PDB file of N, CA and C in Angstrom:
ATOM      1  N   MET A   1      29.559 -16.921  85.442  1.00  0.00           N
ATOM      2  CA  MET A   1      30.477 -16.765  84.321  1.00  0.00           C
ATOM      3  C   MET A   1      31.889 -17.050  84.805  1.00  0.00           C
ATOM      4  N   ASN A   2      32.626 -17.757  84.033  1.00  0.00           N
ATOM      5  CA  ASN A   2      34.028 -18.026  84.340  1.00  0.00           C
ATOM      6  C   ASN A   2      34.894 -17.003  83.626  1.00  0.00           C
ATOM      7  N   TYR A   3      35.415 -16.062  84.383  1.00  0.00           N
ATOM      8  CA  TYR A   3      36.292 -15.047  83.816  1.00  0.00           C
ATOM      9  C   TYR A   3      37.725 -15.544  83.833  1.00  0.00           C
ATOM     10  N   LYS A   4      38.535 -14.948  82.967  1.00  0.00           N
ATOM     11  CA  LYS A   4      39.965 -15.246  82.972  1.00  0.00           C
ATOM     12  C   LYS A   4      40.737 -13.932  82.938  1.00  0.00           C
ATOM     13  N   ALA A   5      42.005 -14.004  83.274  1.00  0.00           N
ATOM     14  CA  ALA A   5      42.848 -12.812  83.288  1.00  0.00           C
ATOM     15  C   ALA A   5      42.816 -12.130  81.926  1.00  0.00           C
ATOM     16  N   LEU A   6      42.755 -10.813  81.957  1.00  0.00           N
ATOM     17  CA  LEU A   6      42.732  -9.902  80.806  1.00  0.00           C
ATOM     18  C   LEU A   6      41.376  -9.799  80.124  1.00  0.00           C
ATOM     19  N   ASP A   7      40.355 -10.493  80.638  1.00  0.00           N
ATOM     20  CA  ASP A   7      39.002 -10.283  80.111  1.00  0.00           C
ATOM     21  C   ASP A   7      38.581  -8.840  80.379  1.00  0.00           C
ATOM     22  N   VAL A   8      37.973  -8.208  79.402  1.00  0.00           N
ATOM     23  CA  VAL A   8      37.398  -6.872  79.582  1.00  0.00           C
ATOM     24  C   VAL A   8      35.968  -7.074  80.052  1.00  0.00           C
ATOM     25  N   VAL A   9      35.593  -6.352  81.112  1.00  0.00           N
ATOM     26  CA  VAL A   9      34.298  -6.528  81.745  1.00  0.00           C
ATOM     27  C   VAL A   9      33.607  -5.182  81.944  1.00  0.00           C
ATOM     28  N   VAL A  10      32.317  -5.243  82.209  1.00  0.00           N
ATOM     29  CA  VAL A  10      31.501  -4.052  82.453  1.00  0.00           C
ATOM     30  C   VAL A  10      31.091  -4.041  83.925  1.00  0.00           C
ATOM     31  N   LEU A  11      31.294  -2.914  84.584  1.00  0.00           N
ATOM     32  CA  LEU A  11      30.899  -2.754  85.973  1.00  0.00           C
ATOM     33  C   LEU A  11      29.382  -2.669  86.073  1.00  0.00           C
ATOM     34  N   GLU A  12      28.790  -3.405  86.998  1.00  0.00           N
ATOM     35  CA  GLU A  12      27.342  -3.467  87.142  1.00  0.00           C
ATOM     36  C   GLU A  12      26.783  -2.595  88.261  1.00  0.00           C
ATOM     37  N   ARG A  13      27.641  -1.863  88.975  1.00  0.00           N
ATOM     38  CA  ARG A  13      27.162  -0.958  90.033  1.00  0.00           C
ATOM     39  C   ARG A  13      28.139   0.197  90.186  1.00  0.00           C
ATOM     40  N   ASP A  14      27.641   1.295  90.699  1.00  0.00           N
ATOM     41  CA  ASP A  14      28.504   2.444  90.966  1.00  0.00           C
ATOM     42  C   ASP A  14      29.473   2.126  92.103  1.00  0.00           C
ATOM     43  N   LEU A  15      30.699   2.604  91.967  1.00  0.00           N
ATOM     44  CA  LEU A  15      31.705   2.577  93.035  1.00  0.00           C
ATOM     45  C   LEU A  15      32.228   4.008  93.155  1.00  0.00           C
ATOM     46  N   LEU A  16      31.394   4.881  93.687  1.00  0.00           N
ATOM     47  CA  LEU A  16      31.682   6.315  93.669  1.00  0.00           C
ATOM     48  C   LEU A  16      32.945   6.678  94.437  1.00  0.00           C
ATOM     49  N   ASP A  17      33.298   5.931  95.473  1.00  0.00           N
ATOM     50  CA  ASP A  17      34.538   6.209  96.209  1.00  0.00           C
ATOM     51  C   ASP A  17      35.767   6.008  95.331  1.00  0.00           C
ATOM     52  N   ASN A  18      35.618   5.215  94.273  1.00  0.00           N
ATOM     53  CA  ASN A  18      36.715   4.964  93.334  1.00  0.00           C
ATOM     54  C   ASN A  18      36.557   5.748  92.042  1.00  0.00           C
ATOM     55  N   GLY A  19      35.541   6.602  91.961  1.00  0.00           N
ATOM     56  CA  GLY A  19      35.306   7.378  90.749  1.00  0.00           C
ATOM     57  C   GLY A  19      34.713   6.549  89.619  1.00  0.00           C
ATOM     58  N   LEU A  20      34.100   5.422  89.941  1.00  0.00           N
ATOM     59  CA  LEU A  20      33.567   4.514  88.920  1.00  0.00           C
ATOM     60  C   LEU A  20      32.052   4.505  88.931  1.00  0.00           C
ATOM     61  N   ARG A  21      31.514   4.297  87.748  1.00  0.00           N
ATOM     62  CA  ARG A  21      30.059   4.226  87.599  1.00  0.00           C
ATOM     63  C   ARG A  21      29.669   2.976  86.839  1.00  0.00           C
ATOM     64  N   LYS A  22      28.442   2.550  87.090  1.00  0.00           N
ATOM     65  CA  LYS A  22      27.895   1.402  86.365  1.00  0.00           C
ATOM     66  C   LYS A  22      28.098   1.639  84.866  1.00  0.00           C
ATOM     67  N   GLY A  23      28.591   0.617  84.180  1.00  0.00           N
ATOM     68  CA  GLY A  23      28.831   0.722  82.747  1.00  0.00           C
ATOM     69  C   GLY A  23      30.288   0.968  82.389  1.00  0.00           C
ATOM     70  N   ASP A  24      31.129   1.336  83.376  1.00  0.00           N
ATOM     71  CA  ASP A  24      32.553   1.540  83.094  1.00  0.00           C
ATOM     72  C   ASP A  24      33.206   0.210  82.728  1.00  0.00           C
ATOM     73  N   LEU A  25      34.204   0.289  81.855  1.00  0.00           N
ATOM     74  CA  LEU A  25      34.930  -0.901  81.420  1.00  0.00           C
ATOM     75  C   LEU A  25      36.179  -1.090  82.267  1.00  0.00           C
ATOM     76  N   GLY A  26      36.447  -2.344  82.598  1.00  0.00           N
ATOM     77  CA  GLY A  26      37.648  -2.694  83.332  1.00  0.00           C
ATOM     78  C   GLY A  26      38.258  -3.950  82.756  1.00  0.00           C
ATOM     79  N   ALA A  27      39.450  -4.264  83.207  1.00  0.00           N
ATOM     80  CA  ALA A  27      40.129  -5.487  82.773  1.00  0.00           C
ATOM     81  C   ALA A  27      40.494  -6.301  84.008  1.00  0.00           C
ATOM     82  N   ILE A  28      40.210  -7.582  83.949  1.00  0.00           N
ATOM     83  CA  ILE A  28      40.581  -8.470  85.049  1.00  0.00           C
ATOM     84  C   ILE A  28      42.086  -8.677  85.000  1.00  0.00           C
ATOM     85  N   VAL A  29      42.759  -8.320  86.085  1.00  0.00           N
ATOM     86  CA  VAL A  29      44.207  -8.479  86.132  1.00  0.00           C
ATOM     87  C   VAL A  29      44.629  -9.693  86.956  1.00  0.00           C
ATOM     88  N   GLU A  30      43.756 -10.136  87.854  1.00  0.00           N
ATOM     89  CA  GLU A  30      44.077 -11.324  88.638  1.00  0.00           C
ATOM     90  C   GLU A  30      42.792 -11.955  89.164  1.00  0.00           C
ATOM     91  N   ILE A  31      42.783 -13.266  89.175  1.00  0.00           N
ATOM     92  CA  ILE A  31      41.683 -14.011  89.775  1.00  0.00           C
ATOM     93  C   ILE A  31      42.193 -14.520  91.112  1.00  0.00           C
ATOM     94  N   LEU A  32      41.649 -13.953  92.194  1.00  0.00           N
ATOM     95  CA  LEU A  32      42.110 -14.309  93.528  1.00  0.00           C
ATOM     96  C   LEU A  32      41.523 -15.640  93.972  1.00  0.00           C
ATOM     97  N   ASP A  33      40.234 -15.826  93.730  1.00  0.00           N
ATOM     98  CA  ASP A  33      39.525 -17.079  93.949  1.00  0.00           C
ATOM     99  C   ASP A  33      38.200 -16.976  93.212  1.00  0.00           C
ATOM    100  N   SER A  34      37.323 -17.953  93.378  1.00  0.00           N
ATOM    101  CA  SER A  34      36.087 -17.955  92.578  1.00  0.00           C
ATOM    102  C   SER A  34      35.158 -16.786  92.903  1.00  0.00           C
ATOM    103  N   ASP A  35      35.350 -16.137  94.053  1.00  0.00           N
ATOM    104  CA  ASP A  35      34.474 -15.034  94.461  1.00  0.00           C
ATOM    105  C   ASP A  35      35.149 -13.665  94.465  1.00  0.00           C
ATOM    106  N   HIS A  36      36.428 -13.596  94.076  1.00  0.00           N
ATOM    107  CA  HIS A  36      37.160 -12.331  94.152  1.00  0.00           C
ATOM    108  C   HIS A  36      38.060 -12.156  92.938  1.00  0.00           C
ATOM    109  N   LEU A  37      37.825 -11.054  92.220  1.00  0.00           N
ATOM    110  CA  LEU A  37      38.588 -10.725  91.027  1.00  0.00           C
ATOM    111  C   LEU A  37      39.217  -9.350  91.202  1.00  0.00           C
ATOM    112  N   GLU A  38      40.464  -9.209  90.842  1.00  0.00           N
ATOM    113  CA  GLU A  38      41.133  -7.909  90.865  1.00  0.00           C
ATOM    114  C   GLU A  38      40.914  -7.279  89.489  1.00  0.00           C
ATOM    115  N   VAL A  39      40.284  -6.104  89.466  1.00  0.00           N
ATOM    116  CA  VAL A  39      39.913  -5.462  88.206  1.00  0.00           C
ATOM    117  C   VAL A  39      40.514  -4.063  88.159  1.00  0.00           C
ATOM    118  N   GLU A  40      41.146  -3.747  87.032  1.00  0.00           N
ATOM    119  CA  GLU A  40      41.739  -2.425  86.836  1.00  0.00           C
ATOM    120  C   GLU A  40      40.862  -1.615  85.893  1.00  0.00           C
ATOM    121  N   PHE A  41      40.616  -0.377  86.271  1.00  0.00           N
ATOM    122  CA  PHE A  41      39.870   0.575  85.456  1.00  0.00           C
ATOM    123  C   PHE A  41      40.831   1.702  85.103  1.00  0.00           C
ATOM    124  N   VAL A  42      40.914   2.060  83.841  1.00  0.00           N
ATOM    125  CA  VAL A  42      41.856   3.085  83.395  1.00  0.00           C
ATOM    126  C   VAL A  42      41.117   4.204  82.665  1.00  0.00           C
ATOM    127  N   THR A  43      41.743   5.380  82.659  1.00  0.00           N
ATOM    128  CA  THR A  43      41.210   6.496  81.883  1.00  0.00           C
ATOM    129  C   THR A  43      41.507   6.246  80.407  1.00  0.00           C
ATOM    130  N   ALA A  44      40.898   7.038  79.549  1.00  0.00           N
ATOM    131  CA  ALA A  44      41.135   6.898  78.110  1.00  0.00           C
ATOM    132  C   ALA A  44      42.598   7.161  77.760  1.00  0.00           C
ATOM    133  N   ALA A  45      43.300   7.922  78.603  1.00  0.00           N
ATOM    134  CA  ALA A  45      44.715   8.207  78.376  1.00  0.00           C
ATOM    135  C   ALA A  45      45.627   7.111  78.921  1.00  0.00           C
ATOM    136  N   GLY A  46      45.040   6.103  79.574  1.00  0.00           N
ATOM    137  CA  GLY A  46      45.818   4.970  80.046  1.00  0.00           C
ATOM    138  C   GLY A  46      46.276   5.035  81.488  1.00  0.00           C
ATOM    139  N   ARG A  47      45.840   6.059  82.239  1.00  0.00           N
ATOM    140  CA  ARG A  47      46.198   6.170  83.650  1.00  0.00           C
ATOM    141  C   ARG A  47      45.240   5.316  84.487  1.00  0.00           C
ATOM    142  N   THR A  48      45.777   4.567  85.428  1.00  0.00           N
ATOM    143  CA  THR A  48      44.923   3.757  86.287  1.00  0.00           C
ATOM    144  C   THR A  48      44.039   4.653  87.141  1.00  0.00           C
ATOM    145  N   GLN A  49      42.740   4.457  87.055  1.00  0.00           N
ATOM    146  CA  GLN A  49      41.786   5.177  87.894  1.00  0.00           C
ATOM    147  C   GLN A  49      41.547   4.409  89.193  1.00  0.00           C
ATOM    148  N   ALA A  50      41.415   3.096  89.083  1.00  0.00           N
ATOM    149  CA  ALA A  50      41.159   2.282  90.273  1.00  0.00           C
ATOM    150  C   ALA A  50      41.581   0.847  90.005  1.00  0.00           C
ATOM    151  N   LEU A  51      42.058   0.216  91.057  1.00  0.00           N
ATOM    152  CA  LEU A  51      42.341  -1.208  91.057  1.00  0.00           C
ATOM    153  C   LEU A  51      41.570  -1.756  92.248  1.00  0.00           C
ATOM    154  N   VAL A  52      40.512  -2.507  91.968  1.00  0.00           N
ATOM    155  CA  VAL A  52      39.593  -2.932  93.025  1.00  0.00           C
ATOM    156  C   VAL A  52      39.343  -4.427  92.967  1.00  0.00           C
ATOM    157  N   THR A  53      39.033  -4.978  94.126  1.00  0.00           N
ATOM    158  CA  THR A  53      38.654  -6.380  94.226  1.00  0.00           C
ATOM    159  C   THR A  53      37.135  -6.440  94.193  1.00  0.00           C
ATOM    160  N   LEU A  54      36.610  -7.193  93.255  1.00  0.00           N
ATOM    161  CA  LEU A  54      35.166  -7.291  93.049  1.00  0.00           C
ATOM    162  C   LEU A  54      34.740  -8.750  92.980  1.00  0.00           C
ATOM    163  N   SER A  55      33.453  -8.971  93.133  1.00  0.00           N
ATOM    164  CA  SER A  55      32.904 -10.316  92.952  1.00  0.00           C
ATOM    165  C   SER A  55      32.381 -10.435  91.525  1.00  0.00           C
ATOM    166  N   PRO A  56      32.242 -11.644  91.021  1.00  0.00           N
ATOM    167  CA  PRO A  56      31.678 -11.816  89.679  1.00  0.00           C
ATOM    168  C   PRO A  56      30.297 -11.170  89.534  1.00  0.00           C
ATOM    169  N   ALA A  57      29.528 -11.072  90.620  1.00  0.00           N
ATOM    170  CA  ALA A  57      28.197 -10.452  90.562  1.00  0.00           C
ATOM    171  C   ALA A  57      28.268  -8.957  90.282  1.00  0.00           C
ATOM    172  N   ASP A  58      29.427  -8.333  90.528  1.00  0.00           N
ATOM    173  CA  ASP A  58      29.618  -6.900  90.279  1.00  0.00           C
ATOM    174  C   ASP A  58      29.927  -6.604  88.821  1.00  0.00           C
ATOM    175  N   LEU A  59      30.101  -7.648  88.020  1.00  0.00           N
ATOM    176  CA  LEU A  59      30.579  -7.506  86.647  1.00  0.00           C
ATOM    177  C   LEU A  59      29.692  -8.269  85.681  1.00  0.00           C
ATOM    178  N   ARG A  60      29.836  -7.901  84.420  1.00  0.00           N
ATOM    179  CA  ARG A  60      29.234  -8.695  83.353  1.00  0.00           C
ATOM    180  C   ARG A  60      30.157  -8.645  82.150  1.00  0.00           C
ATOM    181  N   PRO A  61      30.069  -9.639  81.287  1.00  0.00           N
ATOM    182  CA  PRO A  61      30.884  -9.597  80.079  1.00  0.00           C
ATOM    183  C   PRO A  61      30.357  -8.552  79.104  1.00  0.00           C
ATOM    184  N   ILE A  62      31.196  -8.114  78.212  1.00  0.00           N
ATOM    185  CA  ILE A  62      30.783  -7.217  77.136  1.00  0.00           C
ATOM    186  C   ILE A  62      29.926  -8.015  76.166  1.00  0.00           C
ATOM    187  N   VAL A  63      28.876  -7.383  75.662  1.00  0.00           N
ATOM    188  CA  VAL A  63      28.034  -8.016  74.646  1.00  0.00           C
ATOM    189  C   VAL A  63      28.052  -7.166  73.377  1.00  0.00           C
ATOM    190  N   GLU A  64      27.650  -7.771  72.299  1.00  0.00           N
ATOM    191  CA  GLU A  64      27.728  -7.120  70.987  1.00  0.00           C
ATOM    192  C   GLU A  64      26.972  -5.799  70.913  1.00  0.00           C
ATOM    193  N   SER A  65      25.913  -5.651  71.686  1.00  0.00           N
ATOM    194  CA  SER A  65      25.110  -4.433  71.621  1.00  0.00           C
ATOM    195  C   SER A  65      25.648  -3.297  72.499  1.00  0.00           C
ATOM    196  N   ASP A  66      26.754  -3.524  73.239  1.00  0.00           N
ATOM    197  CA  ASP A  66      27.337  -2.465  74.071  1.00  0.00           C
ATOM    198  C   ASP A  66      27.993  -1.391  73.203  1.00  0.00           C
ATOM    199  N   LEU A  67      27.865  -0.155  73.651  1.00  0.00           N
ATOM    200  CA  LEU A  67      28.477   0.993  72.979  1.00  0.00           C
ATOM    201  C   LEU A  67      29.506   1.596  73.931  1.00  0.00           C
ATOM    202  N   VAL A  68      30.709   1.838  73.449  1.00  0.00           N
ATOM    203  CA  VAL A  68      31.761   2.447  74.270  1.00  0.00           C
ATOM    204  C   VAL A  68      31.612   3.953  74.224  1.00  0.00           C
ATOM    205  N   ALA A  69      31.714   4.605  75.380  1.00  0.00           N
ATOM    206  CA  ALA A  69      31.601   6.066  75.469  1.00  0.00           C
ATOM    207  C   ALA A  69      32.688   6.584  76.396  1.00  0.00           C
ATOM    208  N   VAL A  70      32.893   7.881  76.394  1.00  0.00           N
ATOM    209  CA  VAL A  70      33.877   8.530  77.255  1.00  0.00           C
ATOM    210  C   VAL A  70      33.150   9.538  78.121  1.00  0.00           C
ATOM    211  N   ARG A  71      33.531   9.614  79.404  1.00  0.00           N
ATOM    212  CA  ARG A  71      32.980  10.621  80.307  1.00  0.00           C
ATOM    213  C   ARG A  71      34.134  11.207  81.100  1.00  0.00           C
ATOM    214  N   SER A  72      33.967  12.432  81.540  1.00  0.00           N
ATOM    215  CA  SER A  72      35.009  13.091  82.331  1.00  0.00           C
ATOM    216  C   SER A  72      34.862  12.723  83.791  1.00  0.00           C
ATOM    217  N   LEU A  73      35.989  12.584  84.462  1.00  0.00           N
ATOM    218  CA  LEU A  73      35.987  12.361  85.908  1.00  0.00           C
ATOM    219  C   LEU A  73      35.953  13.699  86.592  1.00  0.00           C
ATOM    220  N   ARG A  74      35.195  13.780  87.675  1.00  0.00           N
ATOM    221  CA  ARG A  74      35.197  14.999  88.476  1.00  0.00           C
ATOM    222  C   ARG A  74      36.450  15.005  89.305  1.00  0.00           C
ATOM    223  N   ARG A  75      37.138  16.109  89.316  1.00  0.00           N
ATOM    224  CA  ARG A  75      38.360  16.266  90.109  1.00  0.00           C
ATOM    225  C   ARG A  75      38.103  17.293  91.201  1.00  0.00           C
ATOM    226  N   SER A  76      38.459  16.929  92.423  1.00  0.00           N
ATOM    227  CA  SER A  76      38.334  17.919  93.489  1.00  0.00           C
ATOM    228  C   SER A  76      39.617  18.747  93.544  1.00  0.00           C
ATOM    229  N   ALA A  77      39.464  20.037  93.825  1.00  0.00           N
ATOM    230  CA  ALA A  77      40.623  20.945  93.840  1.00  0.00           C
ATOM    231  C   ALA A  77      41.382  20.868  95.129  1.00  0.00           C
TER     232      ALA A  77
END
């Protein structure tokens, strides 16, 4: 898939060190090269949760049958 900047994408694997799970939505903020995309994941309130470099294989485009949901992040004290 040829992604472009600002495309909204779906994460295809857990990234637990970043607080992300498969199915989370992100936005492509920069295309570094054909194998590396900078993707930002934000909370529902608009705070950046993670900015990570991923490969196209880690992502998929949104499809019509996708349902958006909200989940709480675990916070360590």
